[in-house]
Amino acid sequence: MSINTNAASLPQLRQSPADSQLSEAARFVQYAMLDEIPALVFALMTLVYIVSSLWSLA
């Protein structure tokens, strides 16, 4: 019984030319924007909670 290990291997990822054109500053900006999304969602949820709580008290 022989086993072919090449069939179960992961394909090689190749870097596209568009990826290599991104500068280090552009990559930092993309990361910074993605890093801020959870904080913005949390702030929006908190604001909605506060406004709805005050609305229910009135």
N, C-alpha and C. Protein backbone atom coordinates (compact mmCIF):
# COMPACT_ATOMS: atom_id res chain seq x y z
N MET A 1 0.85 -1.16 0.00
CA MET A 1 0.00 0.00 0.00
C MET A 1 0.90 1.24 0.00
N SER A 2 0.73 2.08 -1.01
CA SER A 2 1.54 3.30 -1.09
C SER A 2 0.66 4.53 -0.84
N ILE A 3 1.27 5.53 -0.28
CA ILE A 3 0.55 6.76 0.04
C ILE A 3 1.18 7.90 -0.73
N ASN A 4 0.32 8.70 -1.37
CA ASN A 4 0.81 9.85 -2.12
C ASN A 4 0.64 11.09 -1.26
N THR A 5 1.72 11.64 -0.75
CA THR A 5 1.64 12.81 0.13
C THR A 5 1.55 14.11 -0.66
N ASN A 6 1.86 14.11 -1.93
CA ASN A 6 1.79 15.33 -2.72
C ASN A 6 0.35 15.77 -2.96
N ALA A 7 -0.58 14.85 -3.00
CA ALA A 7 -1.98 15.20 -3.27
C ALA A 7 -2.60 15.96 -2.11
N ALA A 8 -2.12 15.78 -0.90
CA ALA A 8 -2.70 16.42 0.27
C ALA A 8 -2.02 17.73 0.65
N SER A 9 -1.04 18.17 -0.11
CA SER A 9 -0.31 19.39 0.25
C SER A 9 -1.11 20.62 -0.15
N LEU A 10 -0.82 21.72 0.52
CA LEU A 10 -1.49 22.98 0.24
C LEU A 10 -0.87 23.62 -0.99
N PRO A 11 -1.67 24.32 -1.77
CA PRO A 11 -1.10 24.99 -2.95
C PRO A 11 -0.21 26.15 -2.52
N GLN A 12 0.76 26.44 -3.32
CA GLN A 12 1.67 27.54 -3.03
C GLN A 12 0.97 28.87 -3.30
N LEU A 13 1.10 29.81 -2.38
CA LEU A 13 0.53 31.13 -2.57
C LEU A 13 1.53 32.01 -3.29
N ARG A 14 1.06 32.63 -4.34
CA ARG A 14 1.94 33.52 -5.09
C ARG A 14 1.53 34.95 -4.84
N GLN A 15 2.51 35.81 -4.75
CA GLN A 15 2.24 37.21 -4.53
C GLN A 15 1.93 37.85 -5.88
N SER A 16 0.78 38.51 -5.96
CA SER A 16 0.39 39.14 -7.21
C SER A 16 1.15 40.45 -7.40
N PRO A 17 1.25 40.91 -8.63
CA PRO A 17 1.94 42.20 -8.86
C PRO A 17 1.26 43.36 -8.15
N ALA A 18 -0.06 43.29 -7.97
CA ALA A 18 -0.76 44.38 -7.29
C ALA A 18 -0.35 44.46 -5.82
N ASP A 19 -0.06 43.32 -5.19
CA ASP A 19 0.36 43.31 -3.80
C ASP A 19 1.74 43.93 -3.62
N SER A 20 2.60 43.71 -4.58
CA SER A 20 3.96 44.22 -4.45
C SER A 20 4.01 45.73 -4.69
N GLN A 21 2.96 46.31 -5.29
CA GLN A 21 2.96 47.74 -5.56
C GLN A 21 2.53 48.56 -4.35
N LEU A 22 1.96 47.92 -3.35
CA LEU A 22 1.55 48.66 -2.16
C LEU A 22 2.77 49.09 -1.36
N SER A 23 2.77 50.34 -1.00
CA SER A 23 3.89 50.82 -0.20
C SER A 23 3.67 50.46 1.26
N GLU A 24 4.69 50.64 2.04
CA GLU A 24 4.59 50.35 3.47
C GLU A 24 3.59 51.29 4.15
N ALA A 25 3.53 52.53 3.69
CA ALA A 25 2.58 53.48 4.26
C ALA A 25 1.15 53.08 3.96
N ALA A 26 0.89 52.58 2.75
CA ALA A 26 -0.46 52.16 2.39
C ALA A 26 -0.88 50.95 3.20
N ARG A 27 0.03 50.04 3.45
CA ARG A 27 -0.29 48.88 4.27
C ARG A 27 -0.58 49.29 5.71
N PHE A 28 0.14 50.27 6.22
CA PHE A 28 -0.11 50.76 7.58
C PHE A 28 -1.48 51.42 7.68
N VAL A 29 -1.85 52.20 6.66
CA VAL A 29 -3.15 52.87 6.66
C VAL A 29 -4.27 51.83 6.62
N GLN A 30 -4.12 50.80 5.80
CA GLN A 30 -5.13 49.75 5.72
C GLN A 30 -5.27 49.05 7.07
N TYR A 31 -4.16 48.74 7.71
CA TYR A 31 -4.21 48.08 9.01
C TYR A 31 -4.84 48.99 10.05
N ALA A 32 -4.49 50.27 10.02
CA ALA A 32 -5.03 51.21 11.01
C ALA A 32 -6.54 51.34 10.85
N MET A 33 -7.03 51.36 9.63
CA MET A 33 -8.47 51.46 9.40
C MET A 33 -9.17 50.21 9.91
N LEU A 34 -8.61 49.04 9.64
CA LEU A 34 -9.22 47.80 10.11
C LEU A 34 -9.14 47.68 11.62
N ASP A 35 -8.12 48.27 12.19
CA ASP A 35 -7.96 48.21 13.64
C ASP A 35 -8.99 49.07 14.35
N GLU A 36 -9.47 50.13 13.71
CA GLU A 36 -10.41 51.06 14.33
C GLU A 36 -11.86 50.63 14.19
N ILE A 37 -12.18 49.70 13.31
CA ILE A 37 -13.57 49.31 13.07
C ILE A 37 -14.24 48.76 14.34
N PRO A 38 -13.63 47.84 15.10
CA PRO A 38 -14.29 47.37 16.32
C PRO A 38 -14.57 48.48 17.32
N ALA A 39 -13.67 49.44 17.44
CA ALA A 39 -13.90 50.55 18.37
C ALA A 39 -15.06 51.42 17.91
N LEU A 40 -15.19 51.63 16.61
CA LEU A 40 -16.31 52.42 16.10
C LEU A 40 -17.64 51.70 16.31
N VAL A 41 -17.65 50.39 16.12
CA VAL A 41 -18.89 49.62 16.35
C VAL A 41 -19.27 49.67 17.82
N PHE A 42 -18.31 49.52 18.70
CA PHE A 42 -18.58 49.58 20.14
C PHE A 42 -19.09 50.95 20.54
N ALA A 43 -18.49 52.00 20.00
CA ALA A 43 -18.93 53.36 20.32
C ALA A 43 -20.36 53.59 19.83
N LEU A 44 -20.68 53.10 18.66
CA LEU A 44 -22.04 53.26 18.13
C LEU A 44 -23.05 52.50 18.98
N MET A 45 -22.71 51.27 19.37
CA MET A 45 -23.61 50.49 20.22
C MET A 45 -23.82 51.18 21.57
N THR A 46 -22.76 51.74 22.14
CA THR A 46 -22.86 52.43 23.42
C THR A 46 -23.74 53.67 23.29
N LEU A 47 -23.56 54.41 22.22
CA LEU A 47 -24.36 55.61 21.99
C LEU A 47 -25.84 55.26 21.83
N VAL A 48 -26.14 54.21 21.09
CA VAL A 48 -27.53 53.77 20.92
C VAL A 48 -28.11 53.34 22.26
N TYR A 49 -27.33 52.64 23.07
CA TYR A 49 -27.80 52.20 24.39
C TYR A 49 -28.11 53.40 25.29
N ILE A 50 -27.23 54.37 25.31
CA ILE A 50 -27.44 55.54 26.17
C ILE A 50 -28.66 56.32 25.72
N VAL A 51 -28.78 56.55 24.42
CA VAL A 51 -29.92 57.31 23.90
C VAL A 51 -31.22 56.57 24.16
N SER A 52 -31.24 55.26 23.94
CA SER A 52 -32.47 54.50 24.17
C SER A 52 -32.81 54.44 25.66
N SER A 53 -31.84 54.39 26.54
CA SER A 53 -32.10 54.40 27.98
C SER A 53 -32.68 55.74 28.42
N LEU A 54 -32.11 56.82 27.92
CA LEU A 54 -32.65 58.13 28.25
C LEU A 54 -34.04 58.32 27.66
N TRP A 55 -34.26 57.78 26.49
CA TRP A 55 -35.58 57.88 25.84
C TRP A 55 -36.64 57.14 26.66
N SER A 56 -36.27 55.99 27.22
CA SER A 56 -37.24 55.21 28.00
C SER A 56 -37.53 55.87 29.35
N LEU A 57 -36.61 56.67 29.88
CA LEU A 57 -36.84 57.38 31.14
C LEU A 57 -37.78 58.57 30.97
N ALA A 58 -37.83 59.12 29.78
CA ALA A 58 -38.64 60.34 29.55
C ALA A 58 -40.12 60.02 29.44
